[in-house]
Amino acid sequence: MHDLDKALADIVAIRSQIARDTAFRGLGSAALAATGVLALATACGQALWFGDPDARPLLFFGLWIATACAAGGLIGIETVRRSRQLHSGLADAMVWN
């Protein structure tokens, strides 16, 4: 039984090493385009509806912080999705290591 435990531990170590050394090949064009469209929509909406950002700085910063959080969420989703698609067996280890 000791040999089996050692073999399983070795397999886990090898998989972790492979996942650490595998490079992520970048984001897909859809996620990159979506973040650009989101930023452009935020800028246009701000110019049309909010006017002067000096009058309401909290609204200005809140809007851009929300946009940044949404863009980060899109990028995170795309990273996990693309990693699972390309590296199905090692996807979680690649994303979290």
PDB file of N, CA and C in Angstrom:
ATOM      1  N   MET A   1       0.814  -1.195   0.000  1.00  0.00           N
ATOM      2  CA  MET A   1       0.000   0.000   0.000  1.00  0.00           C
ATOM      3  C   MET A   1       0.862   1.264   0.000  1.00  0.00           C
ATOM      4  N   HIS A   2       2.023   1.172   0.642  1.00  0.00           N
ATOM      5  CA  HIS A   2       2.924   2.316   0.698  1.00  0.00           C
ATOM      6  C   HIS A   2       3.407   2.698  -0.705  1.00  0.00           C
ATOM      7  N   ASP A   3       3.676   1.694  -1.556  1.00  0.00           N
ATOM      8  CA  ASP A   3       4.127   1.962  -2.917  1.00  0.00           C
ATOM      9  C   ASP A   3       3.048   2.666  -3.732  1.00  0.00           C
ATOM     10  N   LEU A   4       1.797   2.285  -3.526  1.00  0.00           N
ATOM     11  CA  LEU A   4       0.690   2.921  -4.231  1.00  0.00           C
ATOM     12  C   LEU A   4       0.567   4.387  -3.825  1.00  0.00           C
ATOM     13  N   ASP A   5       0.657   4.677  -2.535  1.00  0.00           N
ATOM     14  CA  ASP A   5       0.576   6.063  -2.066  1.00  0.00           C
ATOM     15  C   ASP A   5       1.722   6.900  -2.626  1.00  0.00           C
ATOM     16  N   LYS A   6       2.911   6.326  -2.660  1.00  0.00           N
ATOM     17  CA  LYS A   6       4.059   7.048  -3.200  1.00  0.00           C
ATOM     18  C   LYS A   6       3.876   7.300  -4.695  1.00  0.00           C
ATOM     19  N   ALA A   7       3.380   6.314  -5.419  1.00  0.00           N
ATOM     20  CA  ALA A   7       3.157   6.477  -6.859  1.00  0.00           C
ATOM     21  C   ALA A   7       2.119   7.560  -7.131  1.00  0.00           C
ATOM     22  N   LEU A   8       1.037   7.575  -6.362  1.00  0.00           N
ATOM     23  CA  LEU A   8       0.009   8.607  -6.543  1.00  0.00           C
ATOM     24  C   LEU A   8       0.552   9.990  -6.203  1.00  0.00           C
ATOM     25  N   ALA A   9       1.356  10.081  -5.158  1.00  0.00           N
ATOM     26  CA  ALA A   9       1.965  11.364  -4.795  1.00  0.00           C
ATOM     27  C   ALA A   9       2.916  11.834  -5.889  1.00  0.00           C
ATOM     28  N   ASP A  10       3.652  10.910  -6.486  1.00  0.00           N
ATOM     29  CA  ASP A  10       4.549  11.267  -7.586  1.00  0.00           C
ATOM     30  C   ASP A  10       3.769  11.764  -8.800  1.00  0.00           C
ATOM     31  N   ILE A  11       2.651  11.124  -9.095  1.00  0.00           N
ATOM     32  CA  ILE A  11       1.816  11.559 -10.223  1.00  0.00           C
ATOM     33  C   ILE A  11       1.285  12.965  -9.985  1.00  0.00           C
ATOM     34  N   VAL A  12       0.831  13.246  -8.783  1.00  0.00           N
ATOM     35  CA  VAL A  12       0.341  14.591  -8.452  1.00  0.00           C
ATOM     36  C   VAL A  12       1.463  15.609  -8.604  1.00  0.00           C
ATOM     37  N   ALA A  13       2.662  15.273  -8.147  1.00  0.00           N
ATOM     38  CA  ALA A  13       3.800  16.187  -8.264  1.00  0.00           C
ATOM     39  C   ALA A  13       4.160  16.444  -9.723  1.00  0.00           C
ATOM     40  N   ILE A  14       4.134  15.407 -10.542  1.00  0.00           N
ATOM     41  CA  ILE A  14       4.451  15.560 -11.964  1.00  0.00           C
ATOM     42  C   ILE A  14       3.411  16.435 -12.656  1.00  0.00           C
ATOM     43  N   ARG A  15       2.135  16.195 -12.379  1.00  0.00           N
ATOM     44  CA  ARG A  15       1.072  17.004 -12.990  1.00  0.00           C
ATOM     45  C   ARG A  15       1.190  18.467 -12.579  1.00  0.00           C
ATOM     46  N   SER A  16       1.513  18.719 -11.317  1.00  0.00           N
ATOM     47  CA  SER A  16       1.673  20.096 -10.848  1.00  0.00           C
ATOM     48  C   SER A  16       2.845  20.774 -11.542  1.00  0.00           C
ATOM     49  N   GLN A  17       3.935  20.055 -11.719  1.00  0.00           N
ATOM     50  CA  GLN A  17       5.104  20.615 -12.398  1.00  0.00           C
ATOM     51  C   GLN A  17       4.794  20.929 -13.856  1.00  0.00           C
ATOM     52  N   ILE A  18       4.099  20.038 -14.531  1.00  0.00           N
ATOM     53  CA  ILE A  18       3.721  20.277 -15.928  1.00  0.00           C
ATOM     54  C   ILE A  18       2.807  21.492 -16.025  1.00  0.00           C
ATOM     55  N   ALA A  19       1.842  21.599 -15.130  1.00  0.00           N
ATOM     56  CA  ALA A  19       0.913  22.731 -15.153  1.00  0.00           C
ATOM     57  C   ALA A  19       1.644  24.037 -14.891  1.00  0.00           C
ATOM     58  N   ARG A  20       2.626  24.036 -14.003  1.00  0.00           N
ATOM     59  CA  ARG A  20       3.379  25.251 -13.700  1.00  0.00           C
ATOM     60  C   ARG A  20       4.206  25.697 -14.894  1.00  0.00           C
ATOM     61  N   ASP A  21       4.763  24.742 -15.629  1.00  0.00           N
ATOM     62  CA  ASP A  21       5.661  25.064 -16.729  1.00  0.00           C
ATOM     63  C   ASP A  21       4.951  25.310 -18.053  1.00  0.00           C
ATOM     64  N   THR A  22       3.673  25.025 -18.127  1.00  0.00           N
ATOM     65  CA  THR A  22       2.917  25.245 -19.354  1.00  0.00           C
ATOM     66  C   THR A  22       2.488  26.705 -19.414  1.00  0.00           C
ATOM     67  N   ALA A  23       2.805  27.356 -20.512  1.00  0.00           N
ATOM     68  CA  ALA A  23       2.487  28.777 -20.657  1.00  0.00           C
ATOM     69  C   ALA A  23       1.061  28.949 -21.161  1.00  0.00           C
ATOM     70  N   PHE A  24       0.369  29.939 -20.600  1.00  0.00           N
ATOM     71  CA  PHE A  24      -0.955  30.291 -21.102  1.00  0.00           C
ATOM     72  C   PHE A  24      -0.762  31.106 -22.372  1.00  0.00           C
ATOM     73  N   ARG A  25      -1.471  30.775 -23.414  1.00  0.00           N
ATOM     74  CA  ARG A  25      -1.242  31.368 -24.727  1.00  0.00           C
ATOM     75  C   ARG A  25      -2.045  32.628 -25.009  1.00  0.00           C
ATOM     76  N   GLY A  26      -2.601  33.241 -24.017  1.00  0.00           N
ATOM     77  CA  GLY A  26      -3.275  34.508 -24.216  1.00  0.00           C
ATOM     78  C   GLY A  26      -4.777  34.396 -24.289  1.00  0.00           C
ATOM     79  N   LEU A  27      -5.387  35.541 -24.309  1.00  0.00           N
ATOM     80  CA  LEU A  27      -6.842  35.626 -24.333  1.00  0.00           C
ATOM     81  C   LEU A  27      -7.362  35.502 -25.754  1.00  0.00           C
ATOM     82  N   GLY A  28      -8.583  35.061 -25.858  1.00  0.00           N
ATOM     83  CA  GLY A  28      -9.223  35.002 -27.154  1.00  0.00           C
ATOM     84  C   GLY A  28      -9.621  36.393 -27.619  1.00  0.00           C
ATOM     85  N   SER A  29      -9.823  36.526 -28.895  1.00  0.00           N
ATOM     86  CA  SER A  29     -10.162  37.837 -29.445  1.00  0.00           C
ATOM     87  C   SER A  29     -11.533  38.317 -28.978  1.00  0.00           C
ATOM     88  N   ALA A  30     -12.427  37.392 -28.648  1.00  0.00           N
ATOM     89  CA  ALA A  30     -13.762  37.795 -28.194  1.00  0.00           C
ATOM     90  C   ALA A  30     -13.695  38.527 -26.856  1.00  0.00           C
ATOM     91  N   ALA A  31     -12.899  38.027 -25.916  1.00  0.00           N
ATOM     92  CA  ALA A  31     -12.781  38.679 -24.612  1.00  0.00           C
ATOM     93  C   ALA A  31     -12.098  40.029 -24.750  1.00  0.00           C
ATOM     94  N   LEU A  32     -11.078  40.095 -25.583  1.00  0.00           N
ATOM     95  CA  LEU A  32     -10.372  41.351 -25.791  1.00  0.00           C
ATOM     96  C   LEU A  32     -11.287  42.385 -26.440  1.00  0.00           C
ATOM     97  N   ALA A  33     -12.043  41.975 -27.434  1.00  0.00           N
ATOM     98  CA  ALA A  33     -12.981  42.886 -28.094  1.00  0.00           C
ATOM     99  C   ALA A  33     -14.096  43.309 -27.144  1.00  0.00           C
ATOM    100  N   ALA A  34     -14.575  42.389 -26.317  1.00  0.00           N
ATOM    101  CA  ALA A  34     -15.658  42.716 -25.383  1.00  0.00           C
ATOM    102  C   ALA A  34     -15.216  43.752 -24.360  1.00  0.00           C
ATOM    103  N   THR A  35     -13.980  43.653 -23.865  1.00  0.00           N
ATOM    104  CA  THR A  35     -13.513  44.657 -22.907  1.00  0.00           C
ATOM    105  C   THR A  35     -13.348  46.015 -23.574  1.00  0.00           C
ATOM    106  N   GLY A  36     -12.915  46.026 -24.823  1.00  0.00           N
ATOM    107  CA  GLY A  36     -12.811  47.287 -25.557  1.00  0.00           C
ATOM    108  C   GLY A  36     -14.170  47.920 -25.804  1.00  0.00           C
ATOM    109  N   VAL A  37     -15.138  47.105 -26.191  1.00  0.00           N
ATOM    110  CA  VAL A  37     -16.501  47.608 -26.417  1.00  0.00           C
ATOM    111  C   VAL A  37     -17.104  48.112 -25.114  1.00  0.00           C
ATOM    112  N   LEU A  38     -16.847  47.405 -24.028  1.00  0.00           N
ATOM    113  CA  LEU A  38     -17.345  47.822 -22.718  1.00  0.00           C
ATOM    114  C   LEU A  38     -16.769  49.179 -22.319  1.00  0.00           C
ATOM    115  N   ALA A  39     -15.472  49.366 -22.523  1.00  0.00           N
ATOM    116  CA  ALA A  39     -14.841  50.649 -22.199  1.00  0.00           C
ATOM    117  C   ALA A  39     -15.359  51.764 -23.102  1.00  0.00           C
ATOM    118  N   LEU A  40     -15.527  51.472 -24.376  1.00  0.00           N
ATOM    119  CA  LEU A  40     -16.048  52.472 -25.309  1.00  0.00           C
ATOM    120  C   LEU A  40     -17.483  52.854 -24.962  1.00  0.00           C
ATOM    121  N   ALA A  41     -18.298  51.870 -24.614  1.00  0.00           N
ATOM    122  CA  ALA A  41     -19.680  52.150 -24.219  1.00  0.00           C
ATOM    123  C   ALA A  41     -19.728  52.980 -22.940  1.00  0.00           C
ATOM    124  N   THR A  42     -18.836  52.685 -22.006  1.00  0.00           N
ATOM    125  CA  THR A  42     -18.784  53.460 -20.768  1.00  0.00           C
ATOM    126  C   THR A  42     -18.387  54.902 -21.052  1.00  0.00           C
ATOM    127  N   ALA A  43     -17.387  55.089 -21.902  1.00  0.00           N
ATOM    128  CA  ALA A  43     -16.941  56.443 -22.236  1.00  0.00           C
ATOM    129  C   ALA A  43     -18.033  57.225 -22.965  1.00  0.00           C
ATOM    130  N   CYS A  44     -18.710  56.584 -23.910  1.00  0.00           N
ATOM    131  CA  CYS A  44     -19.792  57.264 -24.643  1.00  0.00           C
ATOM    132  C   CYS A  44     -20.963  57.582 -23.721  1.00  0.00           C
ATOM    133  N   GLY A  45     -21.332  56.630 -22.884  1.00  0.00           N
ATOM    134  CA  GLY A  45     -22.421  56.872 -21.939  1.00  0.00           C
ATOM    135  C   GLY A  45     -22.093  57.977 -20.960  1.00  0.00           C
ATOM    136  N   GLN A  46     -20.855  58.014 -20.525  1.00  0.00           N
ATOM    137  CA  GLN A  46     -20.430  59.074 -19.608  1.00  0.00           C
ATOM    138  C   GLN A  46     -20.504  60.434 -20.295  1.00  0.00           C
ATOM    139  N   ALA A  47     -20.045  60.513 -21.531  1.00  0.00           N
ATOM    140  CA  ALA A  47     -20.063  61.785 -22.253  1.00  0.00           C
ATOM    141  C   ALA A  47     -21.488  62.250 -22.532  1.00  0.00           C
ATOM    142  N   LEU A  48     -22.389  61.311 -22.829  1.00  0.00           N
ATOM    143  CA  LEU A  48     -23.758  61.689 -23.170  1.00  0.00           C
ATOM    144  C   LEU A  48     -24.620  62.024 -21.956  1.00  0.00           C
ATOM    145  N   TRP A  49     -24.503  61.227 -20.889  1.00  0.00           N
ATOM    146  CA  TRP A  49     -25.455  61.358 -19.789  1.00  0.00           C
ATOM    147  C   TRP A  49     -24.925  62.048 -18.542  1.00  0.00           C
ATOM    148  N   PHE A  50     -23.614  61.982 -18.308  1.00  0.00           N
ATOM    149  CA  PHE A  50     -23.113  62.515 -17.046  1.00  0.00           C
ATOM    150  C   PHE A  50     -22.469  63.885 -17.171  1.00  0.00           C
ATOM    151  N   GLY A  51     -22.088  64.279 -18.357  1.00  0.00           N
ATOM    152  CA  GLY A  51     -21.511  65.600 -18.539  1.00  0.00           C
ATOM    153  C   GLY A  51     -20.160  65.743 -17.863  1.00  0.00           C
ATOM    154  N   ASP A  52     -20.054  66.765 -17.020  1.00  0.00           N
ATOM    155  CA  ASP A  52     -18.796  67.112 -16.373  1.00  0.00           C
ATOM    156  C   ASP A  52     -18.473  66.132 -15.242  1.00  0.00           C
ATOM    157  N   PRO A  53     -17.357  65.407 -15.314  1.00  0.00           N
ATOM    158  CA  PRO A  53     -17.015  64.469 -14.238  1.00  0.00           C
ATOM    159  C   PRO A  53     -16.603  65.169 -12.945  1.00  0.00           C
ATOM    160  N   ASP A  54     -16.210  66.456 -13.031  1.00  0.00           N
ATOM    161  CA  ASP A  54     -15.835  67.201 -11.822  1.00  0.00           C
ATOM    162  C   ASP A  54     -17.036  67.469 -10.927  1.00  0.00           C
ATOM    163  N   ALA A  55     -18.210  67.500 -11.515  1.00  0.00           N
ATOM    164  CA  ALA A  55     -19.413  67.772 -10.722  1.00  0.00           C
ATOM    165  C   ALA A  55     -19.783  66.574  -9.848  1.00  0.00           C
ATOM    166  N   ARG A  56     -19.552  65.372 -10.343  1.00  0.00           N
ATOM    167  CA  ARG A  56     -19.882  64.146  -9.596  1.00  0.00           C
ATOM    168  C   ARG A  56     -18.722  63.153  -9.678  1.00  0.00           C
ATOM    169  N   PRO A  57     -17.656  63.397  -8.916  1.00  0.00           N
ATOM    170  CA  PRO A  57     -16.478  62.522  -9.037  1.00  0.00           C
ATOM    171  C   PRO A  57     -16.730  61.094  -8.554  1.00  0.00           C
ATOM    172  N   LEU A  58     -17.580  60.910  -7.546  1.00  0.00           N
ATOM    173  CA  LEU A  58     -17.846  59.555  -7.066  1.00  0.00           C
ATOM    174  C   LEU A  58     -18.568  58.726  -8.121  1.00  0.00           C
ATOM    175  N   LEU A  59     -19.475  59.353  -8.840  1.00  0.00           N
ATOM    176  CA  LEU A  59     -20.169  58.662  -9.924  1.00  0.00           C
ATOM    177  C   LEU A  59     -19.191  58.305 -11.048  1.00  0.00           C
ATOM    178  N   PHE A  60     -18.304  59.250 -11.360  1.00  0.00           N
ATOM    179  CA  PHE A  60     -17.296  59.022 -12.393  1.00  0.00           C
ATOM    180  C   PHE A  60     -16.410  57.824 -12.040  1.00  0.00           C
ATOM    181  N   PHE A  61     -15.834  57.840 -10.837  1.00  0.00           N
ATOM    182  CA  PHE A  61     -14.954  56.747 -10.430  1.00  0.00           C
ATOM    183  C   PHE A  61     -15.719  55.440 -10.234  1.00  0.00           C
ATOM    184  N   GLY A  62     -16.915  55.528  -9.702  1.00  0.00           N
ATOM    185  CA  GLY A  62     -17.725  54.326  -9.517  1.00  0.00           C
ATOM    186  C   GLY A  62     -18.048  53.649 -10.833  1.00  0.00           C
ATOM    187  N   LEU A  63     -18.354  54.453 -11.838  1.00  0.00           N
ATOM    188  CA  LEU A  63     -18.660  53.910 -13.165  1.00  0.00           C
ATOM    189  C   LEU A  63     -17.448  53.196 -13.760  1.00  0.00           C
ATOM    190  N   TRP A  64     -16.283  53.813 -13.648  1.00  0.00           N
ATOM    191  CA  TRP A  64     -15.087  53.197 -14.220  1.00  0.00           C
ATOM    192  C   TRP A  64     -14.606  52.003 -13.398  1.00  0.00           C
ATOM    193  N   ILE A  65     -14.803  52.047 -12.100  1.00  0.00           N
ATOM    194  CA  ILE A  65     -14.452  50.884 -11.278  1.00  0.00           C
ATOM    195  C   ILE A  65     -15.364  49.710 -11.613  1.00  0.00           C
ATOM    196  N   ALA A  66     -16.651  49.979 -11.796  1.00  0.00           N
ATOM    197  CA  ALA A  66     -17.585  48.920 -12.193  1.00  0.00           C
ATOM    198  C   ALA A  66     -17.223  48.364 -13.570  1.00  0.00           C
ATOM    199  N   THR A  67     -16.823  49.237 -14.481  1.00  0.00           N
ATOM    200  CA  THR A  67     -16.402  48.789 -15.810  1.00  0.00           C
ATOM    201  C   THR A  67     -15.154  47.918 -15.723  1.00  0.00           C
ATOM    202  N   ALA A  68     -14.202  48.326 -14.886  1.00  0.00           N
ATOM    203  CA  ALA A  68     -12.979  47.531 -14.713  1.00  0.00           C
ATOM    204  C   ALA A  68     -13.289  46.171 -14.095  1.00  0.00           C
ATOM    205  N   CYS A  69     -14.202  46.135 -13.138  1.00  0.00           N
ATOM    206  CA  CYS A  69     -14.593  44.851 -12.526  1.00  0.00           C
ATOM    207  C   CYS A  69     -15.277  43.945 -13.543  1.00  0.00           C
ATOM    208  N   ALA A  70     -16.139  44.523 -14.363  1.00  0.00           N
ATOM    209  CA  ALA A  70     -16.810  43.728 -15.400  1.00  0.00           C
ATOM    210  C   ALA A  70     -15.801  43.201 -16.418  1.00  0.00           C
ATOM    211  N   ALA A  71     -14.848  44.042 -16.817  1.00  0.00           N
ATOM    212  CA  ALA A  71     -13.817  43.599 -17.760  1.00  0.00           C
ATOM    213  C   ALA A  71     -12.951  42.508 -17.138  1.00  0.00           C
ATOM    214  N   GLY A  72     -12.606  42.663 -15.870  1.00  0.00           N
ATOM    215  CA  GLY A  72     -11.836  41.627 -15.177  1.00  0.00           C
ATOM    216  C   GLY A  72     -12.596  40.318 -15.093  1.00  0.00           C
ATOM    217  N   GLY A  73     -13.899  40.409 -14.862  1.00  0.00           N
ATOM    218  CA  GLY A  73     -14.724  39.203 -14.841  1.00  0.00           C
ATOM    219  C   GLY A  73     -14.764  38.513 -16.193  1.00  0.00           C
ATOM    220  N   LEU A  74     -14.903  39.301 -17.258  1.00  0.00           N
ATOM    221  CA  LEU A  74     -14.890  38.725 -18.607  1.00  0.00           C
ATOM    222  C   LEU A  74     -13.562  38.033 -18.899  1.00  0.00           C
ATOM    223  N   ILE A  75     -12.474  38.674 -18.518  1.00  0.00           N
ATOM    224  CA  ILE A  75     -11.154  38.093 -18.758  1.00  0.00           C
ATOM    225  C   ILE A  75     -10.966  36.822 -17.937  1.00  0.00           C
ATOM    226  N   GLY A  76     -11.429  36.832 -16.685  1.00  0.00           N
ATOM    227  CA  GLY A  76     -11.323  35.638 -15.849  1.00  0.00           C
ATOM    228  C   GLY A  76     -12.115  34.472 -16.409  1.00  0.00           C
ATOM    229  N   ILE A  77     -13.323  34.746 -16.854  1.00  0.00           N
ATOM    230  CA  ILE A  77     -14.156  33.694 -17.450  1.00  0.00           C
ATOM    231  C   ILE A  77     -13.499  33.146 -18.714  1.00  0.00           C
ATOM    232  N   GLU A  78     -12.980  34.036 -19.545  1.00  0.00           N
ATOM    233  CA  GLU A  78     -12.323  33.600 -20.779  1.00  0.00           C
ATOM    234  C   GLU A  78     -11.062  32.791 -20.479  1.00  0.00           C
ATOM    235  N   THR A  79     -10.316  33.180 -19.457  1.00  0.00           N
ATOM    236  CA  THR A  79      -9.105  32.440 -19.087  1.00  0.00           C
ATOM    237  C   THR A  79      -9.436  31.017 -18.676  1.00  0.00           C
ATOM    238  N   VAL A  80     -10.419  30.862 -17.808  1.00  0.00           N
ATOM    239  CA  VAL A  80     -10.801  29.526 -17.347  1.00  0.00           C
ATOM    240  C   VAL A  80     -11.375  28.704 -18.500  1.00  0.00           C
ATOM    241  N   ARG A  81     -12.242  29.316 -19.302  1.00  0.00           N
ATOM    242  CA  ARG A  81     -12.860  28.597 -20.417  1.00  0.00           C
ATOM    243  C   ARG A  81     -11.815  28.141 -21.432  1.00  0.00           C
ATOM    244  N   ARG A  82     -10.926  29.029 -21.790  1.00  0.00           N
ATOM    245  CA  ARG A  82      -9.915  28.697 -22.796  1.00  0.00           C
ATOM    246  C   ARG A  82      -8.914  27.667 -22.268  1.00  0.00           C
ATOM    247  N   SER A  83      -8.559  27.792 -21.006  1.00  0.00           N
ATOM    248  CA  SER A  83      -7.637  26.827 -20.409  1.00  0.00           C
ATOM    249  C   SER A  83      -8.255  25.434 -20.366  1.00  0.00           C
ATOM    250  N   ARG A  84      -9.520  25.358 -20.021  1.00  0.00           N
ATOM    251  CA  ARG A  84     -10.192  24.048 -19.985  1.00  0.00           C
ATOM    252  C   ARG A  84     -10.360  23.465 -21.379  1.00  0.00           C
ATOM    253  N   GLN A  85     -10.528  24.325 -22.358  1.00  0.00           N
ATOM    254  CA  GLN A  85     -10.693  23.851 -23.731  1.00  0.00           C
ATOM    255  C   GLN A  85      -9.372  23.314 -24.286  1.00  0.00           C
ATOM    256  N   LEU A  86      -8.271  24.007 -24.027  1.00  0.00           N
ATOM    257  CA  LEU A  86      -6.988  23.619 -24.601  1.00  0.00           C
ATOM    258  C   LEU A  86      -6.225  22.599 -23.766  1.00  0.00           C
ATOM    259  N   HIS A  87      -6.400  22.652 -22.448  1.00  0.00           N
ATOM    260  CA  HIS A  87      -5.624  21.800 -21.540  1.00  0.00           C
ATOM    261  C   HIS A  87      -6.567  21.147 -20.542  1.00  0.00           C
ATOM    262  N   SER A  88      -7.475  20.339 -21.012  1.00  0.00           N
ATOM    263  CA  SER A  88      -8.564  19.844 -20.168  1.00  0.00           C
ATOM    264  C   SER A  88      -8.095  19.163 -18.894  1.00  0.00           C
ATOM    265  N   GLY A  89      -7.094  18.330 -18.941  1.00  0.00           N
ATOM    266  CA  GLY A  89      -6.672  17.601 -17.752  1.00  0.00           C
ATOM    267  C   GLY A  89      -5.934  18.448 -16.736  1.00  0.00           C
ATOM    268  N   LEU A  90      -5.271  19.503 -17.191  1.00  0.00           N
ATOM    269  CA  LEU A  90      -4.454  20.323 -16.299  1.00  0.00           C
ATOM    270  C   LEU A  90      -5.018  21.729 -16.122  1.00  0.00           C
ATOM    271  N   ALA A  91      -6.242  21.962 -16.544  1.00  0.00           N
ATOM    272  CA  ALA A  91      -6.786  23.317 -16.580  1.00  0.00           C
ATOM    273  C   ALA A  91      -6.793  23.998 -15.222  1.00  0.00           C
ATOM    274  N   ASP A  92      -7.343  23.363 -14.215  1.00  0.00           N
ATOM    275  CA  ASP A  92      -7.435  24.007 -12.905  1.00  0.00           C
ATOM    276  C   ASP A  92      -6.057  24.262 -12.314  1.00  0.00           C
ATOM    277  N   ALA A  93      -5.142  23.326 -12.479  1.00  0.00           N
ATOM    278  CA  ALA A  93      -3.791  23.516 -11.956  1.00  0.00           C
ATOM    279  C   ALA A  93      -3.084  24.663 -12.668  1.00  0.00           C
ATOM    280  N   MET A  94      -3.344  24.837 -13.966  1.00  0.00           N
ATOM    281  CA  MET A  94      -2.718  25.932 -14.705  1.00  0.00           C
ATOM    282  C   MET A  94      -3.248  27.279 -14.263  1.00  0.00           C
ATOM    283  N   VAL A  95      -4.543  27.379 -14.059  1.00  0.00           N
ATOM    284  CA  VAL A  95      -5.146  28.661 -13.700  1.00  0.00           C
ATOM    285  C   VAL A  95      -4.761  29.068 -12.288  1.00  0.00           C
ATOM    286  N   TRP A  96      -4.722  28.143 -11.370  1.00  0.00           N
ATOM    287  CA  TRP A  96      -4.512  28.492  -9.964  1.00  0.00           C
ATOM    288  C   TRP A  96      -3.056  28.467  -9.536  1.00  0.00           C
ATOM    289  N   ASN A  97      -2.131  27.969 -10.369  1.00  0.00           N
ATOM    290  CA  ASN A  97      -0.705  27.957 -10.001  1.00  0.00           C
ATOM    291  C   ASN A  97       0.022  29.117 -10.594  1.00  0.00           C
TER     292      ASN A  97
END
